[in-house]
Amino acid sequence: MERTFTQVGKPYSEGKEEELSGMFDRLSWRSIPCTMGAMPGEAIKGAITELRIPKVDFVACSHEMAPYGLLGIKAHYKNGDATVYLVDEGDKVVVLASDFYPPQDETKEKGGESDGGTA
């Protein structure tokens, strides 16, 4: 997994990457469809539309960053899976960070090696 903190989210994350990573780990994920408060739900829907996030399976909402909301979206792309973390300021949503999980090499999943050669 590769975590990337965004430049636009720097006012919230600079020097707090470790603390935020802990908050990300504590998020409680809900499978889609789900019910949640109107404001975080609308913020998540807006982010999915604006960022064109495909195949969303799970979403999360936390108040651990109060007075701001912490939101999460898990999605599947053709080249792997991604988790997007956002801060909800009330009037706008800012992307804090994202995790990217590239697909596992099938031979490594089976315990073999993928060196292209023969034994």
N, C-alpha and C. Protein backbone atom coordinates (compact mmCIF):
# COMPACT_ATOMS: atom_id res chain seq x y z
N MET A 1 0.84 -1.17 0.00
CA MET A 1 0.00 0.00 0.00
C MET A 1 0.89 1.24 0.00
N GLU A 2 0.48 2.20 -0.79
CA GLU A 2 1.20 3.46 -0.86
C GLU A 2 0.27 4.59 -0.46
N ARG A 3 0.61 5.32 0.62
CA ARG A 3 -0.22 6.45 1.08
C ARG A 3 0.40 7.74 0.58
N THR A 4 -0.46 8.59 0.01
CA THR A 4 -0.02 9.88 -0.51
C THR A 4 -0.85 10.98 0.15
N PHE A 5 -0.18 11.91 0.81
CA PHE A 5 -0.86 13.08 1.37
C PHE A 5 -0.84 14.17 0.30
N THR A 6 -1.98 14.86 0.12
CA THR A 6 -2.10 15.84 -0.95
C THR A 6 -1.55 17.21 -0.54
N GLN A 7 -1.20 18.00 -1.53
CA GLN A 7 -0.76 19.37 -1.29
C GLN A 7 -1.93 20.23 -0.82
N VAL A 8 -3.11 20.01 -1.42
CA VAL A 8 -4.28 20.80 -1.06
C VAL A 8 -4.71 20.55 0.39
N GLY A 9 -4.41 19.37 0.90
CA GLY A 9 -4.76 19.03 2.28
C GLY A 9 -3.67 19.37 3.29
N LYS A 10 -2.59 19.97 2.82
CA LYS A 10 -1.44 20.25 3.67
C LYS A 10 -1.76 21.07 4.92
N PRO A 11 -2.67 22.06 4.86
CA PRO A 11 -2.99 22.80 6.08
C PRO A 11 -3.52 21.92 7.22
N TYR A 12 -4.10 20.77 6.87
CA TYR A 12 -4.65 19.85 7.87
C TYR A 12 -3.68 18.73 8.23
N SER A 13 -2.75 18.44 7.32
CA SER A 13 -1.92 17.24 7.51
C SER A 13 -0.45 17.52 7.84
N GLU A 14 0.05 18.70 7.52
CA GLU A 14 1.48 18.97 7.70
C GLU A 14 1.90 18.75 9.16
N GLY A 15 2.83 17.84 9.35
CA GLY A 15 3.33 17.51 10.68
C GLY A 15 2.39 16.61 11.48
N LYS A 16 1.26 16.24 10.90
CA LYS A 16 0.27 15.42 11.60
C LYS A 16 0.00 14.10 10.88
N GLU A 17 0.89 13.71 9.97
CA GLU A 17 0.67 12.52 9.14
C GLU A 17 0.47 11.26 9.98
N GLU A 18 1.27 11.11 11.02
CA GLU A 18 1.17 9.91 11.86
C GLU A 18 -0.16 9.91 12.63
N GLU A 19 -0.54 11.06 13.18
CA GLU A 19 -1.80 11.18 13.90
C GLU A 19 -2.98 10.90 12.97
N LEU A 20 -2.94 11.47 11.76
CA LEU A 20 -4.01 11.25 10.79
C LEU A 20 -4.08 9.79 10.37
N SER A 21 -2.92 9.15 10.19
CA SER A 21 -2.91 7.74 9.81
C SER A 21 -3.62 6.90 10.86
N GLY A 22 -3.44 7.24 12.12
CA GLY A 22 -4.15 6.55 13.20
C GLY A 22 -5.65 6.75 13.09
N MET A 23 -6.06 7.98 12.77
CA MET A 23 -7.49 8.26 12.59
C MET A 23 -8.04 7.47 11.41
N PHE A 24 -7.28 7.41 10.33
CA PHE A 24 -7.72 6.64 9.15
C PHE A 24 -7.92 5.18 9.53
N ASP A 25 -7.00 4.64 10.32
CA ASP A 25 -7.09 3.23 10.73
C ASP A 25 -8.31 2.96 11.61
N ARG A 26 -8.77 3.99 12.35
CA ARG A 26 -9.90 3.81 13.26
C ARG A 26 -11.26 4.06 12.60
N LEU A 27 -11.27 4.45 11.34
CA LEU A 27 -12.55 4.69 10.67
C LEU A 27 -13.41 3.43 10.66
N SER A 28 -14.69 3.61 10.85
CA SER A 28 -15.65 2.52 10.82
C SER A 28 -16.31 2.54 9.44
N TRP A 29 -16.06 1.50 8.64
CA TRP A 29 -16.51 1.47 7.25
C TRP A 29 -17.90 0.86 7.15
N ARG A 30 -18.72 1.44 6.27
CA ARG A 30 -20.08 0.96 6.01
C ARG A 30 -20.18 0.57 4.54
N SER A 31 -20.78 -0.57 4.28
CA SER A 31 -20.95 -0.99 2.89
C SER A 31 -22.09 -0.20 2.25
N ILE A 32 -21.98 0.00 0.97
CA ILE A 32 -22.97 0.73 0.18
C ILE A 32 -24.06 -0.25 -0.26
N PRO A 33 -25.34 0.07 -0.20
CA PRO A 33 -25.92 1.31 0.32
C PRO A 33 -25.96 1.31 1.84
N CYS A 34 -25.98 2.51 2.42
CA CYS A 34 -26.04 2.64 3.87
C CYS A 34 -26.76 3.92 4.23
N THR A 35 -27.04 4.09 5.51
CA THR A 35 -27.62 5.33 5.97
C THR A 35 -26.61 6.06 6.84
N MET A 36 -26.60 7.36 6.70
CA MET A 36 -25.75 8.22 7.54
C MET A 36 -26.36 9.61 7.54
N GLY A 37 -25.79 10.49 8.31
CA GLY A 37 -26.30 11.86 8.38
C GLY A 37 -26.32 12.51 7.00
N ALA A 38 -27.25 13.45 6.84
CA ALA A 38 -27.42 14.10 5.54
C ALA A 38 -26.17 14.84 5.08
N MET A 39 -25.55 15.60 5.96
CA MET A 39 -24.40 16.41 5.54
C MET A 39 -23.20 15.56 5.14
N PRO A 40 -22.76 14.59 5.96
CA PRO A 40 -21.63 13.78 5.50
C PRO A 40 -22.00 12.94 4.27
N GLY A 41 -23.25 12.47 4.21
CA GLY A 41 -23.68 11.69 3.06
C GLY A 41 -23.62 12.50 1.78
N GLU A 42 -24.10 13.74 1.83
CA GLU A 42 -24.06 14.61 0.66
C GLU A 42 -22.62 14.98 0.31
N ALA A 43 -21.77 15.18 1.30
CA ALA A 43 -20.36 15.49 1.04
C ALA A 43 -19.68 14.33 0.33
N ILE A 44 -19.97 13.11 0.77
CA ILE A 44 -19.39 11.91 0.13
C ILE A 44 -19.90 11.78 -1.30
N LYS A 45 -21.23 11.94 -1.49
CA LYS A 45 -21.79 11.85 -2.84
C LYS A 45 -21.17 12.90 -3.76
N GLY A 46 -21.00 14.12 -3.26
CA GLY A 46 -20.39 15.18 -4.05
C GLY A 46 -18.95 14.87 -4.43
N ALA A 47 -18.20 14.32 -3.47
CA ALA A 47 -16.79 13.97 -3.75
C ALA A 47 -16.71 12.84 -4.78
N ILE A 48 -17.58 11.85 -4.67
CA ILE A 48 -17.59 10.75 -5.64
C ILE A 48 -17.85 11.29 -7.04
N THR A 49 -18.81 12.20 -7.15
CA THR A 49 -19.14 12.78 -8.46
C THR A 49 -18.01 13.67 -8.97
N GLU A 50 -17.54 14.59 -8.13
CA GLU A 50 -16.52 15.56 -8.54
C GLU A 50 -15.20 14.88 -8.91
N LEU A 51 -14.81 13.88 -8.12
CA LEU A 51 -13.53 13.19 -8.36
C LEU A 51 -13.68 12.00 -9.30
N ARG A 52 -14.91 11.73 -9.74
CA ARG A 52 -15.20 10.62 -10.65
C ARG A 52 -14.68 9.29 -10.10
N ILE A 53 -15.02 9.03 -8.87
CA ILE A 53 -14.56 7.80 -8.20
C ILE A 53 -15.50 6.66 -8.63
N PRO A 54 -14.94 5.61 -9.25
CA PRO A 54 -15.78 4.50 -9.72
C PRO A 54 -15.98 3.43 -8.66
N LYS A 55 -16.97 2.62 -8.84
CA LYS A 55 -17.19 1.39 -8.09
C LYS A 55 -16.92 1.51 -6.59
N VAL A 56 -17.64 2.40 -5.95
CA VAL A 56 -17.49 2.61 -4.51
C VAL A 56 -18.19 1.47 -3.76
N ASP A 57 -17.47 0.85 -2.83
CA ASP A 57 -18.01 -0.25 -2.03
C ASP A 57 -18.27 0.15 -0.59
N PHE A 58 -17.41 1.00 -0.03
CA PHE A 58 -17.50 1.36 1.38
C PHE A 58 -17.29 2.86 1.57
N VAL A 59 -17.95 3.41 2.59
CA VAL A 59 -17.75 4.80 2.97
C VAL A 59 -17.62 4.87 4.49
N ALA A 60 -17.04 5.96 4.97
CA ALA A 60 -16.86 6.13 6.42
C ALA A 60 -17.01 7.61 6.77
N CYS A 61 -17.39 7.84 8.02
CA CYS A 61 -17.55 9.19 8.54
C CYS A 61 -17.13 9.18 10.01
N SER A 62 -16.35 10.19 10.41
CA SER A 62 -15.90 10.29 11.79
C SER A 62 -15.88 11.76 12.21
N HIS A 63 -16.03 11.99 13.50
CA HIS A 63 -15.95 13.35 14.04
C HIS A 63 -14.65 13.54 14.81
N GLU A 64 -13.69 12.64 14.59
CA GLU A 64 -12.44 12.68 15.33
C GLU A 64 -11.61 13.92 15.01
N MET A 65 -11.88 14.58 13.86
CA MET A 65 -11.17 15.81 13.51
C MET A 65 -11.98 17.05 13.87
N ALA A 66 -12.96 16.92 14.76
CA ALA A 66 -13.84 18.05 15.10
C ALA A 66 -13.02 19.31 15.33
N PRO A 67 -13.48 20.43 14.81
CA PRO A 67 -14.82 20.72 14.31
C PRO A 67 -15.08 20.27 12.87
N TYR A 68 -14.12 19.65 12.24
CA TYR A 68 -14.30 19.17 10.87
C TYR A 68 -14.69 17.70 10.88
N GLY A 69 -15.28 17.26 9.78
CA GLY A 69 -15.62 15.86 9.62
C GLY A 69 -14.52 15.14 8.86
N LEU A 70 -14.28 13.90 9.19
CA LEU A 70 -13.33 13.05 8.46
C LEU A 70 -14.15 12.04 7.70
N LEU A 71 -13.95 11.98 6.39
CA LEU A 71 -14.71 11.08 5.52
C LEU A 71 -13.77 10.14 4.80
N GLY A 72 -14.27 8.97 4.43
CA GLY A 72 -13.47 8.01 3.68
C GLY A 72 -14.31 7.35 2.60
N ILE A 73 -13.65 7.02 1.49
CA ILE A 73 -14.30 6.35 0.37
C ILE A 73 -13.37 5.25 -0.12
N LYS A 74 -13.87 4.02 -0.23
CA LYS A 74 -13.09 2.90 -0.79
C LYS A 74 -13.67 2.55 -2.15
N ALA A 75 -12.80 2.46 -3.15
CA ALA A 75 -13.25 2.23 -4.52
C ALA A 75 -12.32 1.28 -5.25
N HIS A 76 -12.84 0.73 -6.34
CA HIS A 76 -12.07 -0.19 -7.19
C HIS A 76 -11.83 0.47 -8.55
N TYR A 77 -10.58 0.45 -8.98
CA TYR A 77 -10.20 0.92 -10.31
C TYR A 77 -9.68 -0.27 -11.10
N LYS A 78 -9.54 -0.11 -12.40
CA LYS A 78 -9.02 -1.20 -13.24
C LYS A 78 -7.61 -1.60 -12.83
N ASN A 79 -6.82 -0.64 -12.36
CA ASN A 79 -5.42 -0.92 -12.02
C ASN A 79 -5.18 -1.10 -10.52
N GLY A 80 -6.24 -1.28 -9.74
CA GLY A 80 -6.08 -1.53 -8.31
C GLY A 80 -7.21 -0.91 -7.50
N ASP A 81 -7.05 -0.94 -6.19
CA ASP A 81 -8.04 -0.38 -5.27
C ASP A 81 -7.49 0.88 -4.63
N ALA A 82 -8.40 1.78 -4.27
CA ALA A 82 -7.99 3.04 -3.65
C ALA A 82 -8.90 3.38 -2.48
N THR A 83 -8.32 4.03 -1.49
CA THR A 83 -9.07 4.60 -0.38
C THR A 83 -8.74 6.09 -0.36
N VAL A 84 -9.78 6.91 -0.36
CA VAL A 84 -9.61 8.36 -0.37
C VAL A 84 -10.10 8.90 0.97
N TYR A 85 -9.28 9.75 1.60
CA TYR A 85 -9.62 10.35 2.89
C TYR A 85 -9.85 11.84 2.67
N LEU A 86 -10.96 12.36 3.21
CA LEU A 86 -11.34 13.75 2.99
C LEU A 86 -11.64 14.43 4.32
N VAL A 87 -11.47 15.75 4.33
CA VAL A 87 -11.90 16.55 5.48
C VAL A 87 -13.09 17.38 5.01
N ASP A 88 -14.16 17.35 5.78
CA ASP A 88 -15.38 18.09 5.48
C ASP A 88 -15.38 19.36 6.32
N GLU A 89 -15.21 20.51 5.65
CA GLU A 89 -15.18 21.79 6.36
C GLU A 89 -16.58 22.37 6.57
N GLY A 90 -17.58 21.73 6.01
CA GLY A 90 -18.95 22.24 6.10
C GLY A 90 -19.38 22.90 4.81
N ASP A 91 -18.53 23.77 4.26
CA ASP A 91 -18.86 24.41 2.99
C ASP A 91 -18.05 23.87 1.82
N LYS A 92 -17.04 23.05 2.11
CA LYS A 92 -16.25 22.40 1.07
C LYS A 92 -15.59 21.15 1.65
N VAL A 93 -15.21 20.26 0.74
CA VAL A 93 -14.53 19.02 1.11
C VAL A 93 -13.15 19.04 0.48
N VAL A 94 -12.13 18.69 1.26
CA VAL A 94 -10.74 18.71 0.80
C VAL A 94 -10.16 17.30 0.91
N VAL A 95 -9.48 16.86 -0.15
CA VAL A 95 -8.83 15.56 -0.12
C VAL A 95 -7.56 15.65 0.72
N LEU A 96 -7.50 14.84 1.79
CA LEU A 96 -6.33 14.81 2.67
C LEU A 96 -5.26 13.88 2.14
N ALA A 97 -5.69 12.66 1.80
CA ALA A 97 -4.72 11.62 1.44
C ALA A 97 -5.44 10.52 0.68
N SER A 98 -4.65 9.65 0.09
CA SER A 98 -5.22 8.46 -0.56
C SER A 98 -4.25 7.30 -0.39
N ASP A 99 -4.83 6.12 -0.33
CA ASP A 99 -4.05 4.88 -0.31
C ASP A 99 -4.32 4.17 -1.63
N PHE A 100 -3.28 3.61 -2.22
CA PHE A 100 -3.46 2.85 -3.45
C PHE A 100 -2.92 1.45 -3.26
N TYR A 101 -3.71 0.48 -3.65
CA TYR A 101 -3.36 -0.93 -3.53
C TYR A 101 -3.31 -1.53 -4.93
N PRO A 102 -2.12 -1.69 -5.53
CA PRO A 102 -2.06 -2.30 -6.86
C PRO A 102 -2.48 -3.76 -6.78
N PRO A 103 -2.95 -4.31 -7.90
CA PRO A 103 -3.36 -5.73 -7.87
C PRO A 103 -2.16 -6.62 -7.56
N GLN A 104 -2.41 -7.68 -6.82
CA GLN A 104 -1.36 -8.63 -6.48
C GLN A 104 -1.02 -9.45 -7.71
N ASP A 105 0.25 -9.75 -7.91
CA ASP A 105 0.67 -10.62 -8.99
C ASP A 105 0.18 -12.03 -8.66
N GLU A 106 -0.54 -12.65 -9.60
CA GLU A 106 -1.15 -13.95 -9.33
C GLU A 106 -0.14 -15.01 -8.92
N THR A 107 1.06 -14.99 -9.49
CA THR A 107 2.04 -16.02 -9.14
C THR A 107 2.53 -15.83 -7.72
N LYS A 108 2.63 -14.59 -7.24
CA LYS A 108 3.07 -14.35 -5.87
C LYS A 108 1.98 -14.79 -4.89
N GLU A 109 0.69 -14.60 -5.28
CA GLU A 109 -0.40 -15.04 -4.42
C GLU A 109 -0.37 -16.56 -4.24
N LYS A 110 0.10 -17.27 -5.28
CA LYS A 110 0.15 -18.72 -5.22
C LYS A 110 1.44 -19.23 -4.59
N GLY A 111 2.32 -18.30 -4.19
CA GLY A 111 3.56 -18.69 -3.52
C GLY A 111 4.72 -18.88 -4.47
N GLY A 112 4.52 -18.65 -5.75
CA GLY A 112 5.61 -18.80 -6.73
C GLY A 112 6.32 -17.50 -6.97
N GLU A 113 7.29 -17.53 -7.84
CA GLU A 113 8.01 -16.31 -8.19
C GLU A 113 7.75 -16.00 -9.64
N SER A 114 7.81 -14.73 -9.96
CA SER A 114 7.53 -14.30 -11.32
C SER A 114 8.80 -13.72 -11.92
N ASP A 115 9.74 -14.59 -12.27
CA ASP A 115 10.98 -14.09 -12.86
C ASP A 115 11.02 -14.33 -14.37
N GLY A 116 9.99 -14.96 -14.91
CA GLY A 116 9.90 -15.16 -16.34
C GLY A 116 10.75 -16.29 -16.86
N GLY A 117 11.58 -16.90 -16.03
CA GLY A 117 12.48 -17.96 -16.47
C GLY A 117 11.89 -19.33 -16.16
N THR A 118 12.66 -20.35 -16.48
CA THR A 118 12.24 -21.71 -16.18
C THR A 118 13.12 -22.30 -15.11
N ALA A 119 12.63 -23.26 -14.40
CA ALA A 119 13.38 -23.86 -13.31
C ALA A 119 14.30 -24.93 -13.81
